[in-house]
Amino acid sequence: MAQIELISFAFLDRVSWTWVILAALTLGLAPFVPKPHLLEKLQMLAAGTLRRPIDWFDLVLHGLPWALLAAKAVRVLLVNAR
């Protein structure tokens, strides 16, 4: 079962660490001033004020690079643990 799950995420191996980190640091944190959009949207989500579709889009757009970075890191750890 674990092997099937690892195979389904094999596409992460083809994504360069450089691109994933660059995307997380640029798109994932943009705009940098006054505070990163992702942080703002996560605060809105925690407060229950994330209601408009554009806010949800922003959360996904700025959160996706971080999710990809986390998924790639977990995949590397799981593959190396075998």
PDB file of N, CA and C in Angstrom:
ATOM      1  N   MET A   1       0.816  -1.199   0.000  1.00  0.00           N
ATOM      2  CA  MET A   1       0.000   0.000   0.000  1.00  0.00           C
ATOM      3  C   MET A   1       0.859   1.263   0.000  1.00  0.00           C
ATOM      4  N   ALA A   2       1.899   1.312   0.840  1.00  0.00           N
ATOM      5  CA  ALA A   2       2.768   2.489   0.893  1.00  0.00           C
ATOM      6  C   ALA A   2       3.496   2.687  -0.425  1.00  0.00           C
ATOM      7  N   GLN A   3       3.843   1.607  -1.086  1.00  0.00           N
ATOM      8  CA  GLN A   3       4.537   1.712  -2.359  1.00  0.00           C
ATOM      9  C   GLN A   3       3.632   2.336  -3.421  1.00  0.00           C
ATOM     10  N   ILE A   4       2.367   2.006  -3.420  1.00  0.00           N
ATOM     11  CA  ILE A   4       1.428   2.586  -4.375  1.00  0.00           C
ATOM     12  C   ILE A   4       1.320   4.092  -4.147  1.00  0.00           C
ATOM     13  N   GLU A   5       1.267   4.533  -2.895  1.00  0.00           N
ATOM     14  CA  GLU A   5       1.181   5.948  -2.588  1.00  0.00           C
ATOM     15  C   GLU A   5       2.436   6.686  -3.034  1.00  0.00           C
ATOM     16  N   LEU A   6       3.599   6.075  -2.892  1.00  0.00           N
ATOM     17  CA  LEU A   6       4.838   6.708  -3.328  1.00  0.00           C
ATOM     18  C   LEU A   6       4.888   6.848  -4.834  1.00  0.00           C
ATOM     19  N   ILE A   7       4.392   5.840  -5.547  1.00  0.00           N
ATOM     20  CA  ILE A   7       4.402   5.878  -7.002  1.00  0.00           C
ATOM     21  C   ILE A   7       3.482   6.979  -7.514  1.00  0.00           C
ATOM     22  N   SER A   8       2.355   7.196  -6.875  1.00  0.00           N
ATOM     23  CA  SER A   8       1.415   8.200  -7.355  1.00  0.00           C
ATOM     24  C   SER A   8       1.967   9.620  -7.242  1.00  0.00           C
ATOM     25  N   PHE A   9       2.978   9.825  -6.409  1.00  0.00           N
ATOM     26  CA  PHE A   9       3.584  11.136  -6.270  1.00  0.00           C
ATOM     27  C   PHE A   9       4.965  11.195  -6.930  1.00  0.00           C
ATOM     28  N   ALA A  10       5.228  10.294  -7.845  1.00  0.00           N
ATOM     29  CA  ALA A  10       6.528  10.246  -8.511  1.00  0.00           C
ATOM     30  C   ALA A  10       6.793  11.498  -9.348  1.00  0.00           C
ATOM     31  N   PHE A  11       5.742  12.200  -9.762  1.00  0.00           N
ATOM     32  CA  PHE A  11       5.934  13.417 -10.544  1.00  0.00           C
ATOM     33  C   PHE A  11       6.730  14.468  -9.762  1.00  0.00           C
ATOM     34  N   LEU A  12       6.702  14.388  -8.440  1.00  0.00           N
ATOM     35  CA  LEU A  12       7.453  15.343  -7.619  1.00  0.00           C
ATOM     36  C   LEU A  12       8.959  15.200  -7.816  1.00  0.00           C
ATOM     37  N   ASP A  13       9.400  14.010  -8.215  1.00  0.00           N
ATOM     38  CA  ASP A  13      10.823  13.796  -8.455  1.00  0.00           C
ATOM     39  C   ASP A  13      11.321  14.578  -9.665  1.00  0.00           C
ATOM     40  N   ARG A  14      10.420  14.861 -10.597  1.00  0.00           N
ATOM     41  CA  ARG A  14      10.808  15.580 -11.819  1.00  0.00           C
ATOM     42  C   ARG A  14      10.851  17.090 -11.618  1.00  0.00           C
ATOM     43  N   VAL A  15      10.315  17.565 -10.508  1.00  0.00           N
ATOM     44  CA  VAL A  15      10.310  19.000 -10.225  1.00  0.00           C
ATOM     45  C   VAL A  15      11.594  19.349  -9.488  1.00  0.00           C
ATOM     46  N   SER A  16      12.316  20.310 -10.017  1.00  0.00           N
ATOM     47  CA  SER A  16      13.597  20.720  -9.438  1.00  0.00           C
ATOM     48  C   SER A  16      13.391  21.415  -8.091  1.00  0.00           C
ATOM     49  N   TRP A  17      14.287  21.106  -7.143  1.00  0.00           N
ATOM     50  CA  TRP A  17      14.249  21.772  -5.843  1.00  0.00           C
ATOM     51  C   TRP A  17      14.394  23.275  -6.014  1.00  0.00           C
ATOM     52  N   THR A  18      15.230  23.678  -6.940  1.00  0.00           N
ATOM     53  CA  THR A  18      15.467  25.101  -7.180  1.00  0.00           C
ATOM     54  C   THR A  18      14.167  25.814  -7.524  1.00  0.00           C
ATOM     55  N   TRP A  19      13.398  25.234  -8.446  1.00  0.00           N
ATOM     56  CA  TRP A  19      12.145  25.862  -8.865  1.00  0.00           C
ATOM     57  C   TRP A  19      11.110  25.870  -7.748  1.00  0.00           C
ATOM     58  N   VAL A  20      11.048  24.794  -6.988  1.00  0.00           N
ATOM     59  CA  VAL A  20      10.074  24.719  -5.898  1.00  0.00           C
ATOM     60  C   VAL A  20      10.394  25.757  -4.823  1.00  0.00           C
ATOM     61  N   ILE A  21      11.648  25.861  -4.449  1.00  0.00           N
ATOM     62  CA  ILE A  21      12.049  26.835  -3.433  1.00  0.00           C
ATOM     63  C   ILE A  21      11.869  28.263  -3.944  1.00  0.00           C
ATOM     64  N   LEU A  22      12.246  28.499  -5.196  1.00  0.00           N
ATOM     65  CA  LEU A  22      12.079  29.825  -5.790  1.00  0.00           C
ATOM     66  C   LEU A  22      10.602  30.227  -5.836  1.00  0.00           C
ATOM     67  N   ALA A  23       9.739  29.291  -6.221  1.00  0.00           N
ATOM     68  CA  ALA A  23       8.292  29.576  -6.262  1.00  0.00           C
ATOM     69  C   ALA A  23       7.749  29.870  -4.872  1.00  0.00           C
ATOM     70  N   ALA A  24       8.180  29.102  -3.879  1.00  0.00           N
ATOM     71  CA  ALA A  24       7.698  29.317  -2.514  1.00  0.00           C
ATOM     72  C   ALA A  24       8.147  30.668  -1.974  1.00  0.00           C
ATOM     73  N   LEU A  25       9.371  31.057  -2.272  1.00  0.00           N
ATOM     74  CA  LEU A  25       9.888  32.316  -1.744  1.00  0.00           C
ATOM     75  C   LEU A  25       9.375  33.539  -2.494  1.00  0.00           C
ATOM     76  N   THR A  26       9.014  33.388  -3.755  1.00  0.00           N
ATOM     77  CA  THR A  26       8.523  34.541  -4.523  1.00  0.00           C
ATOM     78  C   THR A  26       6.998  34.566  -4.536  1.00  0.00           C
ATOM     79  N   LEU A  27       6.383  33.656  -5.251  1.00  0.00           N
ATOM     80  CA  LEU A  27       4.920  33.626  -5.353  1.00  0.00           C
ATOM     81  C   LEU A  27       4.283  33.313  -4.007  1.00  0.00           C
ATOM     82  N   GLY A  28       4.919  32.452  -3.248  1.00  0.00           N
ATOM     83  CA  GLY A  28       4.364  32.065  -1.957  1.00  0.00           C
ATOM     84  C   GLY A  28       4.369  33.180  -0.926  1.00  0.00           C
ATOM     85  N   LEU A  29       5.269  34.128  -1.050  1.00  0.00           N
ATOM     86  CA  LEU A  29       5.352  35.215  -0.079  1.00  0.00           C
ATOM     87  C   LEU A  29       4.917  36.575  -0.634  1.00  0.00           C
ATOM     88  N   ALA A  30       4.697  36.671  -1.942  1.00  0.00           N
ATOM     89  CA  ALA A  30       4.325  37.950  -2.556  1.00  0.00           C
ATOM     90  C   ALA A  30       2.936  38.376  -2.124  1.00  0.00           C
ATOM     91  N   PRO A  31       2.621  39.642  -2.036  1.00  0.00           N
ATOM     92  CA  PRO A  31       3.554  40.759  -1.967  1.00  0.00           C
ATOM     93  C   PRO A  31       4.228  40.790  -0.610  1.00  0.00           C
ATOM     94  N   PHE A  32       5.424  41.298  -0.572  1.00  0.00           N
ATOM     95  CA  PHE A  32       6.222  41.261   0.653  1.00  0.00           C
ATOM     96  C   PHE A  32       5.834  42.351   1.649  1.00  0.00           C
ATOM     97  N   VAL A  33       5.262  43.443   1.149  1.00  0.00           N
ATOM     98  CA  VAL A  33       4.914  44.584   1.994  1.00  0.00           C
ATOM     99  C   VAL A  33       3.431  44.868   1.830  1.00  0.00           C
ATOM    100  N   PRO A  34       2.617  45.096   2.793  1.00  0.00           N
ATOM    101  CA  PRO A  34       2.966  45.213   4.201  1.00  0.00           C
ATOM    102  C   PRO A  34       3.148  43.856   4.878  1.00  0.00           C
ATOM    103  N   LYS A  35       2.471  42.805   4.405  1.00  0.00           N
ATOM    104  CA  LYS A  35       2.747  41.456   4.906  1.00  0.00           C
ATOM    105  C   LYS A  35       2.402  40.472   3.795  1.00  0.00           C
ATOM    106  N   PRO A  36       3.013  39.305   3.817  1.00  0.00           N
ATOM    107  CA  PRO A  36       2.752  38.323   2.761  1.00  0.00           C
ATOM    108  C   PRO A  36       1.262  37.951   2.673  1.00  0.00           C
ATOM    109  N   HIS A  37       0.781  37.820   1.433  1.00  0.00           N
ATOM    110  CA  HIS A  37      -0.618  37.484   1.191  1.00  0.00           C
ATOM    111  C   HIS A  37      -1.010  36.177   1.877  1.00  0.00           C
ATOM    112  N   LEU A  38      -0.132  35.204   1.832  1.00  0.00           N
ATOM    113  CA  LEU A  38      -0.458  33.908   2.436  1.00  0.00           C
ATOM    114  C   LEU A  38      -0.707  34.055   3.932  1.00  0.00           C
ATOM    115  N   LEU A  39       0.126  34.810   4.604  1.00  0.00           N
ATOM    116  CA  LEU A  39      -0.057  35.041   6.036  1.00  0.00           C
ATOM    117  C   LEU A  39      -1.387  35.746   6.298  1.00  0.00           C
ATOM    118  N   GLU A  40      -1.676  36.752   5.482  1.00  0.00           N
ATOM    119  CA  GLU A  40      -2.932  37.488   5.621  1.00  0.00           C
ATOM    120  C   GLU A  40      -4.137  36.573   5.421  1.00  0.00           C
ATOM    121  N   LYS A  41      -4.083  35.727   4.386  1.00  0.00           N
ATOM    122  CA  LYS A  41      -5.204  34.830   4.094  1.00  0.00           C
ATOM    123  C   LYS A  41      -5.352  33.749   5.166  1.00  0.00           C
ATOM    124  N   LEU A  42      -4.250  33.264   5.708  1.00  0.00           N
ATOM    125  CA  LEU A  42      -4.332  32.280   6.790  1.00  0.00           C
ATOM    126  C   LEU A  42      -4.925  32.902   8.052  1.00  0.00           C
ATOM    127  N   GLN A  43      -4.588  34.159   8.311  1.00  0.00           N
ATOM    128  CA  GLN A  43      -5.182  34.860   9.444  1.00  0.00           C
ATOM    129  C   GLN A  43      -6.679  35.052   9.226  1.00  0.00           C
ATOM    130  N   MET A  44      -7.072  35.380   8.000  1.00  0.00           N
ATOM    131  CA  MET A  44      -8.491  35.524   7.682  1.00  0.00           C
ATOM    132  C   MET A  44      -9.219  34.189   7.842  1.00  0.00           C
ATOM    133  N   LEU A  45      -8.580  33.120   7.415  1.00  0.00           N
ATOM    134  CA  LEU A  45      -9.174  31.787   7.545  1.00  0.00           C
ATOM    135  C   LEU A  45      -9.375  31.433   9.014  1.00  0.00           C
ATOM    136  N   ALA A  46      -8.382  31.717   9.838  1.00  0.00           N
ATOM    137  CA  ALA A  46      -8.477  31.430  11.276  1.00  0.00           C
ATOM    138  C   ALA A  46      -9.551  32.276  11.947  1.00  0.00           C
ATOM    139  N   ALA A  47      -9.717  33.509  11.461  1.00  0.00           N
ATOM    140  CA  ALA A  47     -10.709  34.409  12.048  1.00  0.00           C
ATOM    141  C   ALA A  47     -12.116  34.174  11.501  1.00  0.00           C
ATOM    142  N   GLY A  48     -12.207  33.371  10.445  1.00  0.00           N
ATOM    143  CA  GLY A  48     -13.511  33.107   9.848  1.00  0.00           C
ATOM    144  C   GLY A  48     -13.989  34.191   8.901  1.00  0.00           C
ATOM    145  N   THR A  49     -13.089  35.036   8.431  1.00  0.00           N
ATOM    146  CA  THR A  49     -13.475  36.130   7.533  1.00  0.00           C
ATOM    147  C   THR A  49     -13.083  35.877   6.084  1.00  0.00           C
ATOM    148  N   LEU A  50     -12.632  34.692   5.770  1.00  0.00           N
ATOM    149  CA  LEU A  50     -12.238  34.343   4.399  1.00  0.00           C
ATOM    150  C   LEU A  50     -13.498  33.892   3.665  1.00  0.00           C
ATOM    151  N   ARG A  51     -14.205  34.832   3.035  1.00  0.00           N
ATOM    152  CA  ARG A  51     -15.505  34.529   2.450  1.00  0.00           C
ATOM    153  C   ARG A  51     -15.582  34.761   0.952  1.00  0.00           C
ATOM    154  N   ARG A  52     -14.888  35.760   0.465  1.00  0.00           N
ATOM    155  CA  ARG A  52     -14.996  36.106  -0.956  1.00  0.00           C
ATOM    156  C   ARG A  52     -14.205  35.117  -1.811  1.00  0.00           C
ATOM    157  N   PRO A  53     -14.704  34.827  -3.019  1.00  0.00           N
ATOM    158  CA  PRO A  53     -13.986  33.903  -3.908  1.00  0.00           C
ATOM    159  C   PRO A  53     -12.555  34.343  -4.214  1.00  0.00           C
ATOM    160  N   ILE A  54     -12.315  35.641  -4.340  1.00  0.00           N
ATOM    161  CA  ILE A  54     -10.962  36.117  -4.630  1.00  0.00           C
ATOM    162  C   ILE A  54     -10.011  35.813  -3.473  1.00  0.00           C
ATOM    163  N   ASP A  55     -10.534  35.849  -2.256  1.00  0.00           N
ATOM    164  CA  ASP A  55      -9.705  35.517  -1.096  1.00  0.00           C
ATOM    165  C   ASP A  55      -9.323  34.044  -1.102  1.00  0.00           C
ATOM    166  N   TRP A  56     -10.265  33.173  -1.458  1.00  0.00           N
ATOM    167  CA  TRP A  56      -9.975  31.738  -1.557  1.00  0.00           C
ATOM    168  C   TRP A  56      -8.969  31.481  -2.680  1.00  0.00           C
ATOM    169  N   PHE A  57      -9.142  32.185  -3.808  1.00  0.00           N
ATOM    170  CA  PHE A  57      -8.202  32.053  -4.920  1.00  0.00           C
ATOM    171  C   PHE A  57      -6.805  32.460  -4.479  1.00  0.00           C
ATOM    172  N   ASP A  58      -6.701  33.586  -3.766  1.00  0.00           N
ATOM    173  CA  ASP A  58      -5.405  34.047  -3.259  1.00  0.00           C
ATOM    174  C   ASP A  58      -4.777  33.032  -2.307  1.00  0.00           C
ATOM    175  N   LEU A  59      -5.589  32.447  -1.445  1.00  0.00           N
ATOM    176  CA  LEU A  59      -5.080  31.441  -0.509  1.00  0.00           C
ATOM    177  C   LEU A  59      -4.486  30.253  -1.259  1.00  0.00           C
ATOM    178  N   VAL A  60      -5.208  29.778  -2.265  1.00  0.00           N
ATOM    179  CA  VAL A  60      -4.718  28.639  -3.055  1.00  0.00           C
ATOM    180  C   VAL A  60      -3.487  29.038  -3.863  1.00  0.00           C
ATOM    181  N   LEU A  61      -3.541  30.187  -4.517  1.00  0.00           N
ATOM    182  CA  LEU A  61      -2.440  30.638  -5.367  1.00  0.00           C
ATOM    183  C   LEU A  61      -1.142  30.803  -4.575  1.00  0.00           C
ATOM    184  N   HIS A  62      -1.227  31.440  -3.419  1.00  0.00           N
ATOM    185  CA  HIS A  62      -0.023  31.692  -2.636  1.00  0.00           C
ATOM    186  C   HIS A  62       0.356  30.512  -1.743  1.00  0.00           C
ATOM    187  N   GLY A  63      -0.572  29.600  -1.508  1.00  0.00           N
ATOM    188  CA  GLY A  63      -0.287  28.430  -0.690  1.00  0.00           C
ATOM    189  C   GLY A  63       0.222  27.238  -1.473  1.00  0.00           C
ATOM    190  N   LEU A  64      -0.093  27.184  -2.763  1.00  0.00           N
ATOM    191  CA  LEU A  64       0.308  26.041  -3.586  1.00  0.00           C
ATOM    192  C   LEU A  64       1.814  25.799  -3.632  1.00  0.00           C
ATOM    193  N   PRO A  65       2.646  26.832  -3.810  1.00  0.00           N
ATOM    194  CA  PRO A  65       4.096  26.570  -3.803  1.00  0.00           C
ATOM    195  C   PRO A  65       4.583  25.964  -2.485  1.00  0.00           C
ATOM    196  N   TRP A  66       4.007  26.389  -1.364  1.00  0.00           N
ATOM    197  CA  TRP A  66       4.403  25.843  -0.068  1.00  0.00           C
ATOM    198  C   TRP A  66       3.922  24.403   0.076  1.00  0.00           C
ATOM    199  N   ALA A  67       2.728  24.118  -0.438  1.00  0.00           N
ATOM    200  CA  ALA A  67       2.215  22.749  -0.396  1.00  0.00           C
ATOM    201  C   ALA A  67       3.079  21.833  -1.263  1.00  0.00           C
ATOM    202  N   LEU A  68       3.498  22.323  -2.418  1.00  0.00           N
ATOM    203  CA  LEU A  68       4.373  21.555  -3.295  1.00  0.00           C
ATOM    204  C   LEU A  68       5.723  21.303  -2.630  1.00  0.00           C
ATOM    205  N   LEU A  69       6.266  22.317  -1.976  1.00  0.00           N
ATOM    206  CA  LEU A  69       7.534  22.172  -1.255  1.00  0.00           C
ATOM    207  C   LEU A  69       7.415  21.130  -0.142  1.00  0.00           C
ATOM    208  N   ALA A  70       6.330  21.180   0.607  1.00  0.00           N
ATOM    209  CA  ALA A  70       6.112  20.207   1.689  1.00  0.00           C
ATOM    210  C   ALA A  70       5.938  18.800   1.133  1.00  0.00           C
ATOM    211  N   ALA A  71       5.169  18.660   0.056  1.00  0.00           N
ATOM    212  CA  ALA A  71       4.946  17.342  -0.543  1.00  0.00           C
ATOM    213  C   ALA A  71       6.250  16.754  -1.074  1.00  0.00           C
ATOM    214  N   LYS A  72       7.064  17.590  -1.707  1.00  0.00           N
ATOM    215  CA  LYS A  72       8.347  17.107  -2.231  1.00  0.00           C
ATOM    216  C   LYS A  72       9.269  16.680  -1.086  1.00  0.00           C
ATOM    217  N   ALA A  73       9.302  17.452  -0.006  1.00  0.00           N
ATOM    218  CA  ALA A  73      10.145  17.106   1.141  1.00  0.00           C
ATOM    219  C   ALA A  73       9.685  15.796   1.787  1.00  0.00           C
ATOM    220  N   VAL A  74       8.384  15.626   1.946  1.00  0.00           N
ATOM    221  CA  VAL A  74       7.855  14.378   2.526  1.00  0.00           C
ATOM    222  C   VAL A  74       8.180  13.205   1.619  1.00  0.00           C
ATOM    223  N   ARG A  75       8.040  13.408   0.320  1.00  0.00           N
ATOM    224  CA  ARG A  75       8.350  12.320  -0.630  1.00  0.00           C
ATOM    225  C   ARG A  75       9.819  11.913  -0.503  1.00  0.00           C
ATOM    226  N   VAL A  76      10.710  12.877  -0.434  1.00  0.00           N
ATOM    227  CA  VAL A  76      12.147  12.574  -0.316  1.00  0.00           C
ATOM    228  C   VAL A  76      12.409  11.800   0.985  1.00  0.00           C
ATOM    229  N   LEU A  77      11.801  12.247   2.072  1.00  0.00           N
ATOM    230  CA  LEU A  77      11.996  11.563   3.354  1.00  0.00           C
ATOM    231  C   LEU A  77      11.459  10.143   3.317  1.00  0.00           C
ATOM    232  N   LEU A  78      10.294   9.934   2.701  1.00  0.00           N
ATOM    233  CA  LEU A  78       9.708   8.597   2.631  1.00  0.00           C
ATOM    234  C   LEU A  78      10.517   7.663   1.724  1.00  0.00           C
ATOM    235  N   VAL A  79      10.989   8.183   0.602  1.00  0.00           N
ATOM    236  CA  VAL A  79      11.775   7.358  -0.320  1.00  0.00           C
ATOM    237  C   VAL A  79      13.118   7.004   0.311  1.00  0.00           C
ATOM    238  N   ASN A  80      13.745   7.960   1.006  1.00  0.00           N
ATOM    239  CA  ASN A  80      15.044   7.701   1.631  1.00  0.00           C
ATOM    240  C   ASN A  80      14.918   6.810   2.862  1.00  0.00           C
ATOM    241  N   ALA A  81      13.740   6.741   3.461  1.00  0.00           N
ATOM    242  CA  ALA A  81      13.532   5.916   4.646  1.00  0.00           C
ATOM    243  C   ALA A  81      13.444   4.424   4.299  1.00  0.00           C
ATOM    244  N   ARG A  82      13.211   4.136   3.033  1.00  0.00           N
ATOM    245  CA  ARG A  82      13.069   2.719   2.634  1.00  0.00           C
ATOM    246  C   ARG A  82      14.374   2.040   2.554  1.00  0.00           C
TER     247      ARG A  82
END
